[in-house]
Amino acid sequence: MKKMKAVIFDFGGVLIDWNPYYLYRKVFTNDTEIARLLQEIHFDEWNRYFDQGYPWALGIAEMCRLYPTHADMIRLFDERWLETLGTTFKANIALVEAIKNSGTPVYGLSNWSAAKFSLVRPRYEFFDLFADMVISGEVKIAKPDPRIYKLLLERNSLRAGECIYIDDTEDNFHVASQLGLQAIHYQSSGQLHQELQTHGVLKNPINIKASL
């Protein structure tokens, strides 16, 4: 088996939970109302622009003009964005630490607004484990665009075939695979632990249950 020289982690959905529902559940009575709001304002589409580096102040102002009846909820997403964060996945963070301690460097590749990541970065010590982090909003390219994967590889003199890539989003996983990365489609901490052992980047198994 080829020795893996690096492990690359997605952040949202793998190391930290994120969902706009966490915020909107504090102001709506049920999830059906939230789903209707997100659909009517085309949330996924405009949130992706922020992931690609679009300025928040400009984007929020434009959305409020487009959907004036939802302006308060649009502004709320910006003003109370930190409340969209859920818990950290302690078992997966323990895996990151174990990989690094075993001598294999770890990297981050995440779709995240630069402005909001700057708020989050100092709040979580686990980000200090990464040798480098490529954040989509900072480089203005978002997954699954192949260029952002190549950017991380080139910036760190890494070869795709010698790197493991972990992501919970199927499209991102498929692009990584097509680029030659040893991609893992994340589904659970137990599954990830087993696959990392198979790839030989964990010298010793860790107690996943104890890390939860």
N, C-alpha and C. Protein backbone atom coordinates (compact mmCIF):
# COMPACT_ATOMS: atom_id res chain seq x y z
N MET A 1 0.83 -1.20 0.00
CA MET A 1 0.00 0.00 0.00
C MET A 1 0.87 1.25 0.00
N LYS A 2 0.52 2.21 -0.86
CA LYS A 2 1.28 3.46 -0.93
C LYS A 2 1.14 4.24 0.37
N LYS A 3 2.25 4.77 0.86
CA LYS A 3 2.23 5.54 2.09
C LYS A 3 1.58 6.89 1.84
N MET A 4 0.61 7.23 2.67
CA MET A 4 -0.05 8.52 2.56
C MET A 4 0.77 9.59 3.29
N LYS A 5 0.99 10.71 2.63
CA LYS A 5 1.85 11.75 3.18
C LYS A 5 1.08 12.92 3.78
N ALA A 6 -0.25 12.93 3.61
CA ALA A 6 -1.05 14.01 4.18
C ALA A 6 -2.51 13.57 4.24
N VAL A 7 -3.24 14.15 5.19
CA VAL A 7 -4.68 13.94 5.29
C VAL A 7 -5.35 15.31 5.28
N ILE A 8 -6.32 15.46 4.39
CA ILE A 8 -7.00 16.74 4.20
C ILE A 8 -8.45 16.61 4.67
N PHE A 9 -8.85 17.50 5.55
CA PHE A 9 -10.19 17.46 6.14
C PHE A 9 -11.05 18.63 5.67
N ASP A 10 -12.28 18.32 5.30
CA ASP A 10 -13.33 19.32 5.24
C ASP A 10 -13.67 19.70 6.69
N PHE A 11 -14.26 20.87 6.91
CA PHE A 11 -14.60 21.29 8.27
C PHE A 11 -16.09 21.09 8.58
N GLY A 12 -16.96 21.85 7.90
CA GLY A 12 -18.39 21.77 8.19
C GLY A 12 -18.97 20.41 7.88
N GLY A 13 -19.59 19.79 8.87
CA GLY A 13 -20.17 18.46 8.69
C GLY A 13 -19.21 17.34 9.00
N VAL A 14 -17.94 17.66 9.20
CA VAL A 14 -16.94 16.64 9.53
C VAL A 14 -16.31 16.93 10.90
N LEU A 15 -15.93 18.19 11.13
CA LEU A 15 -15.33 18.55 12.41
C LEU A 15 -16.23 19.45 13.25
N ILE A 16 -17.10 20.18 12.59
CA ILE A 16 -18.02 21.07 13.31
C ILE A 16 -19.36 21.08 12.60
N ASP A 17 -20.42 21.09 13.38
CA ASP A 17 -21.77 21.08 12.83
C ASP A 17 -22.20 22.50 12.50
N TRP A 18 -22.87 22.66 11.37
CA TRP A 18 -23.36 23.96 10.94
C TRP A 18 -24.69 23.78 10.24
N ASN A 19 -25.65 24.64 10.58
CA ASN A 19 -26.95 24.55 9.94
C ASN A 19 -27.73 25.83 10.23
N PRO A 20 -28.26 26.52 9.20
CA PRO A 20 -29.05 27.74 9.47
C PRO A 20 -30.28 27.48 10.32
N TYR A 21 -30.74 26.23 10.36
CA TYR A 21 -31.89 25.90 11.20
C TYR A 21 -31.61 26.18 12.67
N TYR A 22 -30.36 26.01 13.10
CA TYR A 22 -30.04 26.24 14.52
C TYR A 22 -30.37 27.67 14.93
N LEU A 23 -30.14 28.62 14.03
CA LEU A 23 -30.49 30.01 14.30
C LEU A 23 -31.99 30.23 14.16
N TYR A 24 -32.55 29.81 13.04
CA TYR A 24 -33.93 30.15 12.74
C TYR A 24 -34.94 29.42 13.65
N ARG A 25 -34.52 28.33 14.26
CA ARG A 25 -35.42 27.67 15.21
C ARG A 25 -35.68 28.54 16.45
N LYS A 26 -34.86 29.54 16.64
CA LYS A 26 -35.04 30.45 17.78
C LYS A 26 -36.09 31.52 17.51
N VAL A 27 -36.48 31.64 16.23
CA VAL A 27 -37.46 32.68 15.88
C VAL A 27 -38.70 32.14 15.16
N PHE A 28 -38.63 30.91 14.64
CA PHE A 28 -39.78 30.29 13.99
C PHE A 28 -40.35 29.20 14.89
N THR A 29 -41.61 28.88 14.70
CA THR A 29 -42.25 27.88 15.55
C THR A 29 -42.03 26.46 15.07
N ASN A 30 -41.69 26.27 13.78
CA ASN A 30 -41.47 24.91 13.29
C ASN A 30 -40.55 24.92 12.08
N ASP A 31 -40.01 23.74 11.74
CA ASP A 31 -39.06 23.62 10.64
C ASP A 31 -39.69 23.84 9.27
N THR A 32 -41.00 23.61 9.16
CA THR A 32 -41.68 23.84 7.88
C THR A 32 -41.60 25.31 7.49
N GLU A 33 -41.77 26.18 8.47
CA GLU A 33 -41.68 27.62 8.20
C GLU A 33 -40.27 28.01 7.78
N ILE A 34 -39.28 27.39 8.42
CA ILE A 34 -37.88 27.67 8.07
C ILE A 34 -37.59 27.21 6.64
N ALA A 35 -38.03 26.00 6.33
CA ALA A 35 -37.79 25.46 4.99
C ALA A 35 -38.42 26.35 3.92
N ARG A 36 -39.61 26.87 4.21
CA ARG A 36 -40.29 27.77 3.26
C ARG A 36 -39.48 29.05 3.06
N LEU A 37 -38.99 29.62 4.15
CA LEU A 37 -38.16 30.82 4.05
C LEU A 37 -36.93 30.57 3.19
N LEU A 38 -36.20 29.51 3.51
CA LEU A 38 -34.95 29.22 2.80
C LEU A 38 -35.20 28.97 1.33
N GLN A 39 -36.32 28.35 1.02
CA GLN A 39 -36.66 28.10 -0.39
C GLN A 39 -37.01 29.39 -1.10
N GLU A 40 -37.79 30.25 -0.45
CA GLU A 40 -38.26 31.48 -1.09
C GLU A 40 -37.12 32.46 -1.34
N ILE A 41 -36.11 32.46 -0.48
CA ILE A 41 -34.99 33.39 -0.69
C ILE A 41 -33.81 32.73 -1.41
N HIS A 42 -34.02 31.48 -1.85
CA HIS A 42 -32.97 30.75 -2.58
C HIS A 42 -31.68 30.73 -1.76
N PHE A 43 -31.81 30.30 -0.51
CA PHE A 43 -30.73 30.39 0.46
C PHE A 43 -29.45 29.70 -0.01
N ASP A 44 -29.56 28.47 -0.49
CA ASP A 44 -28.35 27.73 -0.88
C ASP A 44 -27.57 28.45 -1.96
N GLU A 45 -28.30 29.07 -2.89
CA GLU A 45 -27.65 29.75 -4.00
C GLU A 45 -26.88 30.97 -3.51
N TRP A 46 -27.50 31.82 -2.69
CA TRP A 46 -26.79 33.04 -2.29
C TRP A 46 -25.76 32.78 -1.20
N ASN A 47 -25.98 31.76 -0.40
CA ASN A 47 -24.95 31.42 0.59
C ASN A 47 -23.67 30.94 -0.10
N ARG A 48 -23.84 30.30 -1.24
CA ARG A 48 -22.67 29.85 -2.01
C ARG A 48 -21.85 31.04 -2.50
N TYR A 49 -22.52 32.14 -2.85
CA TYR A 49 -21.77 33.34 -3.26
C TYR A 49 -20.86 33.82 -2.13
N PHE A 50 -21.34 33.75 -0.90
CA PHE A 50 -20.50 34.15 0.22
C PHE A 50 -19.31 33.20 0.37
N ASP A 51 -19.55 31.91 0.13
CA ASP A 51 -18.45 30.94 0.17
C ASP A 51 -17.39 31.26 -0.87
N GLN A 52 -17.82 31.90 -1.96
CA GLN A 52 -16.89 32.25 -3.05
C GLN A 52 -16.25 33.62 -2.85
N GLY A 53 -16.52 34.25 -1.71
CA GLY A 53 -15.85 35.50 -1.40
C GLY A 53 -16.65 36.76 -1.67
N TYR A 54 -17.94 36.62 -1.97
CA TYR A 54 -18.76 37.81 -2.21
C TYR A 54 -18.89 38.61 -0.91
N PRO A 55 -18.77 39.95 -0.96
CA PRO A 55 -18.83 40.76 0.26
C PRO A 55 -20.18 40.63 0.99
N TRP A 56 -20.13 40.41 2.27
CA TRP A 56 -21.35 40.19 3.05
C TRP A 56 -22.27 41.41 3.03
N ALA A 57 -21.74 42.57 3.30
CA ALA A 57 -22.58 43.77 3.38
C ALA A 57 -23.33 43.98 2.07
N LEU A 58 -22.63 43.81 0.97
CA LEU A 58 -23.25 43.99 -0.34
C LEU A 58 -24.28 42.91 -0.60
N GLY A 59 -23.92 41.65 -0.30
CA GLY A 59 -24.83 40.55 -0.55
C GLY A 59 -26.10 40.64 0.27
N ILE A 60 -25.99 40.99 1.53
CA ILE A 60 -27.17 41.10 2.40
C ILE A 60 -28.07 42.24 1.92
N ALA A 61 -27.47 43.36 1.56
CA ALA A 61 -28.26 44.50 1.06
C ALA A 61 -29.02 44.12 -0.21
N GLU A 62 -28.35 43.40 -1.11
CA GLU A 62 -29.00 42.98 -2.35
C GLU A 62 -30.15 42.03 -2.08
N MET A 63 -29.94 41.09 -1.16
CA MET A 63 -31.00 40.13 -0.83
C MET A 63 -32.20 40.82 -0.20
N CYS A 64 -31.95 41.79 0.65
CA CYS A 64 -33.05 42.52 1.28
C CYS A 64 -33.87 43.28 0.25
N ARG A 65 -33.22 43.81 -0.78
CA ARG A 65 -33.95 44.50 -1.85
C ARG A 65 -34.76 43.51 -2.69
N LEU A 66 -34.20 42.32 -2.91
CA LEU A 66 -34.90 41.31 -3.71
C LEU A 66 -36.09 40.71 -2.96
N TYR A 67 -35.94 40.55 -1.66
CA TYR A 67 -36.97 39.89 -0.86
C TYR A 67 -37.30 40.76 0.36
N PRO A 68 -37.92 41.90 0.14
CA PRO A 68 -38.16 42.84 1.24
C PRO A 68 -39.01 42.28 2.37
N THR A 69 -39.91 41.36 2.06
CA THR A 69 -40.75 40.81 3.12
C THR A 69 -39.96 39.89 4.05
N HIS A 70 -38.79 39.47 3.61
CA HIS A 70 -37.94 38.60 4.44
C HIS A 70 -36.66 39.32 4.90
N ALA A 71 -36.65 40.64 4.75
CA ALA A 71 -35.42 41.39 5.03
C ALA A 71 -34.93 41.18 6.47
N ASP A 72 -35.85 41.14 7.41
CA ASP A 72 -35.44 40.97 8.81
C ASP A 72 -34.73 39.63 9.02
N MET A 73 -35.24 38.58 8.39
CA MET A 73 -34.64 37.26 8.56
C MET A 73 -33.32 37.15 7.80
N ILE A 74 -33.20 37.86 6.71
CA ILE A 74 -31.95 37.87 5.96
C ILE A 74 -30.86 38.58 6.77
N ARG A 75 -31.21 39.73 7.33
CA ARG A 75 -30.24 40.45 8.17
C ARG A 75 -29.88 39.66 9.41
N LEU A 76 -30.85 38.91 9.94
CA LEU A 76 -30.61 38.10 11.13
C LEU A 76 -29.52 37.05 10.87
N PHE A 77 -29.55 36.48 9.67
CA PHE A 77 -28.55 35.47 9.32
C PHE A 77 -27.14 36.04 9.38
N ASP A 78 -26.99 37.27 8.98
CA ASP A 78 -25.69 37.94 9.05
C ASP A 78 -25.35 38.32 10.49
N GLU A 79 -26.26 38.99 11.17
CA GLU A 79 -25.99 39.54 12.49
C GLU A 79 -25.79 38.46 13.56
N ARG A 80 -26.47 37.34 13.42
CA ARG A 80 -26.38 36.28 14.44
C ARG A 80 -25.85 34.98 13.83
N TRP A 81 -24.95 35.13 12.87
CA TRP A 81 -24.43 33.97 12.14
C TRP A 81 -23.81 32.93 13.05
N LEU A 82 -23.14 33.34 14.10
CA LEU A 82 -22.48 32.39 15.01
C LEU A 82 -23.47 31.39 15.60
N GLU A 83 -24.74 31.77 15.64
CA GLU A 83 -25.76 30.87 16.19
C GLU A 83 -26.16 29.78 15.21
N THR A 84 -25.59 29.80 14.00
CA THR A 84 -25.82 28.69 13.06
C THR A 84 -24.87 27.53 13.33
N LEU A 85 -23.89 27.73 14.20
CA LEU A 85 -22.94 26.68 14.53
C LEU A 85 -23.52 25.74 15.59
N GLY A 86 -23.28 24.45 15.37
CA GLY A 86 -23.68 23.45 16.35
C GLY A 86 -22.48 22.99 17.15
N THR A 87 -22.47 21.73 17.51
CA THR A 87 -21.39 21.18 18.32
C THR A 87 -20.19 20.81 17.44
N THR A 88 -19.05 20.67 18.09
CA THR A 88 -17.90 20.10 17.39
C THR A 88 -17.99 18.58 17.49
N PHE A 89 -17.42 17.88 16.52
CA PHE A 89 -17.41 16.42 16.52
C PHE A 89 -16.11 15.96 17.18
N LYS A 90 -16.19 15.75 18.50
CA LYS A 90 -14.99 15.51 19.29
C LYS A 90 -14.23 14.26 18.84
N ALA A 91 -14.94 13.23 18.45
CA ALA A 91 -14.27 12.00 18.00
C ALA A 91 -13.44 12.25 16.76
N ASN A 92 -13.95 13.07 15.85
CA ASN A 92 -13.21 13.35 14.62
C ASN A 92 -12.03 14.28 14.87
N ILE A 93 -12.20 15.22 15.79
CA ILE A 93 -11.08 16.08 16.17
C ILE A 93 -9.99 15.25 16.83
N ALA A 94 -10.38 14.24 17.61
CA ALA A 94 -9.39 13.33 18.21
C ALA A 94 -8.63 12.58 17.13
N LEU A 95 -9.31 12.25 16.03
CA LEU A 95 -8.64 11.58 14.91
C LEU A 95 -7.62 12.51 14.25
N VAL A 96 -7.99 13.77 14.08
CA VAL A 96 -7.06 14.75 13.51
C VAL A 96 -5.80 14.81 14.36
N GLU A 97 -6.00 14.90 15.67
CA GLU A 97 -4.86 15.00 16.59
C GLU A 97 -4.00 13.74 16.55
N ALA A 98 -4.65 12.57 16.47
CA ALA A 98 -3.91 11.30 16.44
C ALA A 98 -3.10 11.16 15.16
N ILE A 99 -3.68 11.60 14.04
CA ILE A 99 -2.95 11.54 12.77
C ILE A 99 -1.71 12.42 12.83
N LYS A 100 -1.91 13.65 13.31
CA LYS A 100 -0.78 14.57 13.40
C LYS A 100 0.30 14.02 14.33
N ASN A 101 -0.12 13.47 15.47
CA ASN A 101 0.85 12.94 16.44
C ASN A 101 1.59 11.72 15.90
N SER A 102 0.98 11.04 14.92
CA SER A 102 1.64 9.87 14.32
C SER A 102 2.68 10.27 13.28
N GLY A 103 2.74 11.57 12.98
CA GLY A 103 3.75 12.05 12.04
C GLY A 103 3.25 12.41 10.66
N THR A 104 1.93 12.29 10.43
CA THR A 104 1.36 12.65 9.14
C THR A 104 0.70 14.02 9.25
N PRO A 105 1.11 15.00 8.45
CA PRO A 105 0.52 16.33 8.56
C PRO A 105 -0.94 16.36 8.11
N VAL A 106 -1.70 17.25 8.70
CA VAL A 106 -3.12 17.39 8.37
C VAL A 106 -3.36 18.79 7.80
N TYR A 107 -4.30 18.86 6.85
CA TYR A 107 -4.62 20.11 6.17
C TYR A 107 -6.13 20.29 6.16
N GLY A 108 -6.57 21.53 5.99
CA GLY A 108 -7.99 21.82 5.90
C GLY A 108 -8.36 22.40 4.55
N LEU A 109 -9.51 21.99 4.04
CA LEU A 109 -10.04 22.51 2.77
C LEU A 109 -11.54 22.67 2.95
N SER A 110 -11.99 23.91 3.10
CA SER A 110 -13.37 24.13 3.51
C SER A 110 -14.03 25.26 2.74
N ASN A 111 -15.31 25.03 2.40
CA ASN A 111 -16.14 26.10 1.88
C ASN A 111 -16.62 26.94 3.06
N TRP A 112 -16.15 28.18 3.13
CA TRP A 112 -16.49 29.02 4.27
C TRP A 112 -16.24 30.47 3.88
N SER A 113 -17.16 31.31 4.23
CA SER A 113 -16.97 32.75 4.03
C SER A 113 -15.74 33.21 4.81
N ALA A 114 -14.92 34.03 4.17
CA ALA A 114 -13.73 34.54 4.85
C ALA A 114 -14.11 35.37 6.07
N ALA A 115 -15.14 36.19 5.94
CA ALA A 115 -15.56 37.05 7.05
C ALA A 115 -16.04 36.23 8.24
N LYS A 116 -16.82 35.19 7.99
CA LYS A 116 -17.34 34.40 9.10
C LYS A 116 -16.28 33.45 9.65
N PHE A 117 -15.38 32.97 8.79
CA PHE A 117 -14.32 32.11 9.31
C PHE A 117 -13.40 32.89 10.24
N SER A 118 -13.22 34.17 9.97
CA SER A 118 -12.37 34.99 10.84
C SER A 118 -12.98 35.11 12.23
N LEU A 119 -14.29 34.97 12.35
CA LEU A 119 -14.95 34.98 13.66
C LEU A 119 -14.77 33.64 14.38
N VAL A 120 -14.77 32.58 13.59
CA VAL A 120 -14.75 31.23 14.15
C VAL A 120 -13.33 30.77 14.49
N ARG A 121 -12.37 31.15 13.68
CA ARG A 121 -10.99 30.65 13.82
C ARG A 121 -10.45 30.76 15.24
N PRO A 122 -10.56 31.89 15.93
CA PRO A 122 -9.98 31.99 17.27
C PRO A 122 -10.77 31.27 18.35
N ARG A 123 -11.97 30.80 18.04
CA ARG A 123 -12.83 30.17 19.04
C ARG A 123 -12.54 28.68 19.24
N TYR A 124 -11.84 28.07 18.29
CA TYR A 124 -11.66 26.62 18.33
C TYR A 124 -10.18 26.28 18.19
N GLU A 125 -9.63 25.69 19.22
CA GLU A 125 -8.21 25.38 19.24
C GLU A 125 -7.82 24.32 18.22
N PHE A 126 -8.77 23.48 17.80
CA PHE A 126 -8.41 22.39 16.89
C PHE A 126 -7.88 22.91 15.55
N PHE A 127 -8.21 24.15 15.18
CA PHE A 127 -7.67 24.70 13.94
C PHE A 127 -6.15 24.81 13.99
N ASP A 128 -5.58 24.89 15.18
CA ASP A 128 -4.12 24.99 15.33
C ASP A 128 -3.41 23.71 14.91
N LEU A 129 -4.16 22.61 14.76
CA LEU A 129 -3.55 21.33 14.39
C LEU A 129 -3.14 21.29 12.91
N PHE A 130 -3.70 22.19 12.11
CA PHE A 130 -3.53 22.08 10.66
C PHE A 130 -2.29 22.81 10.18
N ALA A 131 -1.54 22.13 9.30
CA ALA A 131 -0.35 22.74 8.71
C ALA A 131 -0.72 23.87 7.77
N ASP A 132 -1.88 23.77 7.13
CA ASP A 132 -2.37 24.82 6.25
C ASP A 132 -3.87 24.62 6.09
N MET A 133 -4.59 25.72 5.86
CA MET A 133 -6.03 25.66 5.64
C MET A 133 -6.36 26.53 4.43
N VAL A 134 -7.03 25.95 3.45
CA VAL A 134 -7.51 26.72 2.31
C VAL A 134 -9.01 26.94 2.51
N ILE A 135 -9.38 28.20 2.66
CA ILE A 135 -10.77 28.60 2.91
C ILE A 135 -11.32 29.24 1.65
N SER A 136 -12.45 28.73 1.17
CA SER A 136 -12.97 29.14 -0.13
C SER A 136 -13.16 30.65 -0.24
N GLY A 137 -13.70 31.27 0.80
CA GLY A 137 -13.96 32.70 0.74
C GLY A 137 -12.70 33.53 0.65
N GLU A 138 -11.59 32.99 1.14
CA GLU A 138 -10.32 33.71 1.07
C GLU A 138 -9.70 33.62 -0.32
N VAL A 139 -9.86 32.47 -0.97
CA VAL A 139 -9.25 32.28 -2.31
C VAL A 139 -10.26 32.50 -3.43
N LYS A 140 -11.54 32.71 -3.04
CA LYS A 140 -12.62 33.02 -3.98
C LYS A 140 -12.87 31.90 -4.99
N ILE A 141 -12.69 30.68 -4.53
CA ILE A 141 -13.03 29.47 -5.29
C ILE A 141 -13.67 28.50 -4.30
N ALA A 142 -14.80 27.93 -4.65
CA ALA A 142 -15.49 27.02 -3.74
C ALA A 142 -15.60 25.62 -4.32
N LYS A 143 -15.52 24.64 -3.45
CA LYS A 143 -15.76 23.25 -3.86
C LYS A 143 -17.19 23.15 -4.40
N PRO A 144 -17.43 22.31 -5.40
CA PRO A 144 -16.54 21.27 -5.93
C PRO A 144 -15.66 21.70 -7.11
N ASP A 145 -15.39 22.98 -7.26
CA ASP A 145 -14.50 23.45 -8.32
C ASP A 145 -13.12 22.80 -8.13
N PRO A 146 -12.63 22.07 -9.13
CA PRO A 146 -11.34 21.37 -8.98
C PRO A 146 -10.17 22.29 -8.65
N ARG A 147 -10.29 23.56 -9.00
CA ARG A 147 -9.16 24.47 -8.79
C ARG A 147 -8.81 24.64 -7.32
N ILE A 148 -9.78 24.54 -6.42
CA ILE A 148 -9.47 24.77 -5.01
C ILE A 148 -8.71 23.59 -4.43
N TYR A 149 -8.99 22.38 -4.90
CA TYR A 149 -8.22 21.21 -4.47
C TYR A 149 -6.77 21.34 -4.96
N LYS A 150 -6.65 21.71 -6.24
CA LYS A 150 -5.32 21.84 -6.83
C LYS A 150 -4.52 22.94 -6.15
N LEU A 151 -5.21 23.99 -5.72
CA LEU A 151 -4.53 25.09 -5.03
C LEU A 151 -3.90 24.61 -3.73
N LEU A 152 -4.65 23.84 -2.95
CA LEU A 152 -4.09 23.33 -1.70
C LEU A 152 -2.89 22.43 -1.97
N LEU A 153 -3.02 21.56 -2.97
CA LEU A 153 -1.93 20.65 -3.30
C LEU A 153 -0.69 21.41 -3.74
N GLU A 154 -0.88 22.36 -4.63
CA GLU A 154 0.26 23.12 -5.16
C GLU A 154 0.90 23.98 -4.08
N ARG A 155 0.08 24.57 -3.23
CA ARG A 155 0.59 25.47 -2.19
C ARG A 155 1.45 24.73 -1.17
N ASN A 156 1.20 23.43 -1.05
CA ASN A 156 1.92 22.65 -0.05
C ASN A 156 2.80 21.56 -0.65
N SER A 157 3.02 21.64 -1.98
CA SER A 157 3.88 20.68 -2.68
C SER A 157 3.46 19.24 -2.41
N LEU A 158 2.16 18.98 -2.54
CA LEU A 158 1.60 17.65 -2.30
C LEU A 158 1.16 17.02 -3.61
N ARG A 159 1.24 15.70 -3.67
CA ARG A 159 0.73 14.94 -4.82
C ARG A 159 -0.61 14.33 -4.45
N ALA A 160 -1.56 14.45 -5.36
CA ALA A 160 -2.91 13.99 -5.07
C ALA A 160 -2.95 12.54 -4.61
N GLY A 161 -2.23 11.67 -5.29
CA GLY A 161 -2.27 10.24 -4.99
C GLY A 161 -1.67 9.87 -3.66
N GLU A 162 -0.99 10.81 -3.01
CA GLU A 162 -0.38 10.56 -1.71
C GLU A 162 -1.14 11.23 -0.58
N CYS A 163 -2.37 11.70 -0.90
CA CYS A 163 -3.17 12.41 0.10
C CYS A 163 -4.54 11.76 0.26
N ILE A 164 -5.00 11.72 1.49
CA ILE A 164 -6.37 11.30 1.80
C ILE A 164 -7.21 12.57 1.92
N TYR A 165 -8.40 12.54 1.35
CA TYR A 165 -9.31 13.68 1.46
C TYR A 165 -10.63 13.22 2.05
N ILE A 166 -11.15 13.96 3.04
CA ILE A 166 -12.37 13.57 3.76
C ILE A 166 -13.40 14.67 3.63
N ASP A 167 -14.61 14.31 3.18
CA ASP A 167 -15.68 15.29 3.00
C ASP A 167 -17.02 14.59 3.16
N ASP A 168 -18.00 15.29 3.72
CA ASP A 168 -19.32 14.71 3.90
C ASP A 168 -20.24 14.96 2.71
N THR A 169 -19.84 15.85 1.80
CA THR A 169 -20.67 16.19 0.65
C THR A 169 -20.27 15.35 -0.56
N GLU A 170 -21.26 14.69 -1.14
CA GLU A 170 -20.98 13.72 -2.19
C GLU A 170 -20.30 14.34 -3.41
N ASP A 171 -20.76 15.50 -3.85
CA ASP A 171 -20.15 16.13 -5.03
C ASP A 171 -18.67 16.43 -4.78
N ASN A 172 -18.36 16.93 -3.58
CA ASN A 172 -16.97 17.25 -3.25
C ASN A 172 -16.11 15.99 -3.21
N PHE A 173 -16.67 14.94 -2.68
CA PHE A 173 -15.98 13.64 -2.62
C PHE A 173 -15.67 13.13 -4.03
N HIS A 174 -16.64 13.22 -4.93
CA HIS A 174 -16.44 12.71 -6.29
C HIS A 174 -15.36 13.48 -7.04
N VAL A 175 -15.35 14.80 -6.90
CA VAL A 175 -14.33 15.60 -7.58
C VAL A 175 -12.94 15.26 -7.03
N ALA A 176 -12.84 15.12 -5.72
CA ALA A 176 -11.56 14.73 -5.13
C ALA A 176 -11.07 13.41 -5.69
N SER A 177 -11.98 12.46 -5.82
CA SER A 177 -11.62 11.15 -6.38
C SER A 177 -11.14 11.28 -7.82
N GLN A 178 -11.84 12.10 -8.61
CA GLN A 178 -11.47 12.30 -10.00
C GLN A 178 -10.09 12.94 -10.14
N LEU A 179 -9.70 13.72 -9.16
CA LEU A 179 -8.39 14.37 -9.19
C LEU A 179 -7.26 13.46 -8.70
N GLY A 180 -7.63 12.27 -8.25
CA GLY A 180 -6.63 11.30 -7.82
C GLY A 180 -6.39 11.23 -6.33
N LEU A 181 -7.12 12.04 -5.56
CA LEU A 181 -7.01 11.96 -4.11
C LEU A 181 -7.66 10.66 -3.60
N GLN A 182 -7.12 10.12 -2.52
CA GLN A 182 -7.73 8.95 -1.89
C GLN A 182 -8.89 9.46 -1.04
N ALA A 183 -10.05 9.59 -1.65
CA ALA A 183 -11.17 10.27 -1.02
C ALA A 183 -12.00 9.35 -0.14
N ILE A 184 -12.43 9.90 0.99
CA ILE A 184 -13.32 9.20 1.91
C ILE A 184 -14.60 10.02 2.02
N HIS A 185 -15.73 9.38 1.70
CA HIS A 185 -17.02 10.05 1.87
C HIS A 185 -17.45 9.85 3.32
N TYR A 186 -17.33 10.89 4.11
CA TYR A 186 -17.59 10.79 5.55
C TYR A 186 -19.06 10.50 5.84
N GLN A 187 -19.29 9.49 6.69
CA GLN A 187 -20.64 9.14 7.12
C GLN A 187 -20.76 9.03 8.64
N SER A 188 -19.70 8.59 9.29
CA SER A 188 -19.73 8.49 10.76
C SER A 188 -18.30 8.45 11.27
N SER A 189 -18.14 8.72 12.56
CA SER A 189 -16.81 8.69 13.17
C SER A 189 -16.23 7.28 13.13
N GLY A 190 -17.06 6.29 13.36
CA GLY A 190 -16.59 4.91 13.33
C GLY A 190 -16.10 4.51 11.96
N GLN A 191 -16.87 4.87 10.94
CA GLN A 191 -16.49 4.56 9.56
C GLN A 191 -15.19 5.26 9.19
N LEU A 192 -15.06 6.53 9.60
CA LEU A 192 -13.85 7.29 9.29
C LEU A 192 -12.63 6.68 9.98
N HIS A 193 -12.79 6.31 11.23
CA HIS A 193 -11.70 5.69 12.00
C HIS A 193 -11.21 4.43 11.30
N GLN A 194 -12.15 3.60 10.86
CA GLN A 194 -11.80 2.34 10.21
C GLN A 194 -11.06 2.59 8.90
N GLU A 195 -11.54 3.54 8.09
CA GLU A 195 -10.91 3.80 6.80
C GLU A 195 -9.52 4.41 6.96
N LEU A 196 -9.35 5.25 7.97
CA LEU A 196 -8.04 5.84 8.22
C LEU A 196 -7.04 4.78 8.67
N GLN A 197 -7.53 3.81 9.44
CA GLN A 197 -6.66 2.69 9.83
C GLN A 197 -6.26 1.87 8.61
N THR A 198 -7.22 1.65 7.72
CA THR A 198 -6.95 0.88 6.51
C THR A 198 -5.88 1.57 5.66
N HIS A 199 -5.91 2.89 5.63
CA HIS A 199 -4.93 3.66 4.86
C HIS A 199 -3.59 3.78 5.59
N GLY A 200 -3.53 3.34 6.84
CA GLY A 200 -2.27 3.31 7.56
C GLY A 200 -1.80 4.62 8.16
N VAL A 201 -2.71 5.58 8.35
CA VAL A 201 -2.28 6.87 8.90
C VAL A 201 -2.53 6.97 10.41
N LEU A 202 -3.10 5.92 10.99
CA LEU A 202 -3.26 5.85 12.44
C LEU A 202 -2.38 4.72 12.95
N LYS A 203 -1.36 5.06 13.72
CA LYS A 203 -0.47 4.01 14.24
C LYS A 203 -1.19 3.13 15.25
N ASN A 204 -2.05 3.76 16.05
CA ASN A 204 -2.79 3.02 17.06
C ASN A 204 -4.26 3.43 17.00
N PRO A 205 -5.17 2.47 17.14
CA PRO A 205 -6.60 2.84 17.15
C PRO A 205 -6.91 3.69 18.37
N ILE A 206 -7.93 4.54 18.26
CA ILE A 206 -8.36 5.33 19.39
C ILE A 206 -9.76 4.91 19.80
N ASN A 207 -10.12 5.21 21.02
CA ASN A 207 -11.44 4.86 21.54
C ASN A 207 -12.44 5.90 21.08
N ILE A 208 -13.16 5.59 20.01
CA ILE A 208 -14.10 6.55 19.44
C ILE A 208 -15.19 6.89 20.47
N LYS A 209 -15.74 5.90 21.15
CA LYS A 209 -16.83 6.15 22.09
C LYS A 209 -16.39 7.07 23.21
N ALA A 210 -15.15 6.92 23.66
CA ALA A 210 -14.64 7.76 24.73
C ALA A 210 -14.48 9.21 24.29
N SER A 211 -14.38 9.42 22.97
CA SER A 211 -14.18 10.77 22.45
C SER A 211 -15.47 11.51 22.20
N LEU A 212 -16.58 10.79 22.22
CA LEU A 212 -17.87 11.42 21.91
C LEU A 212 -18.33 12.31 23.03
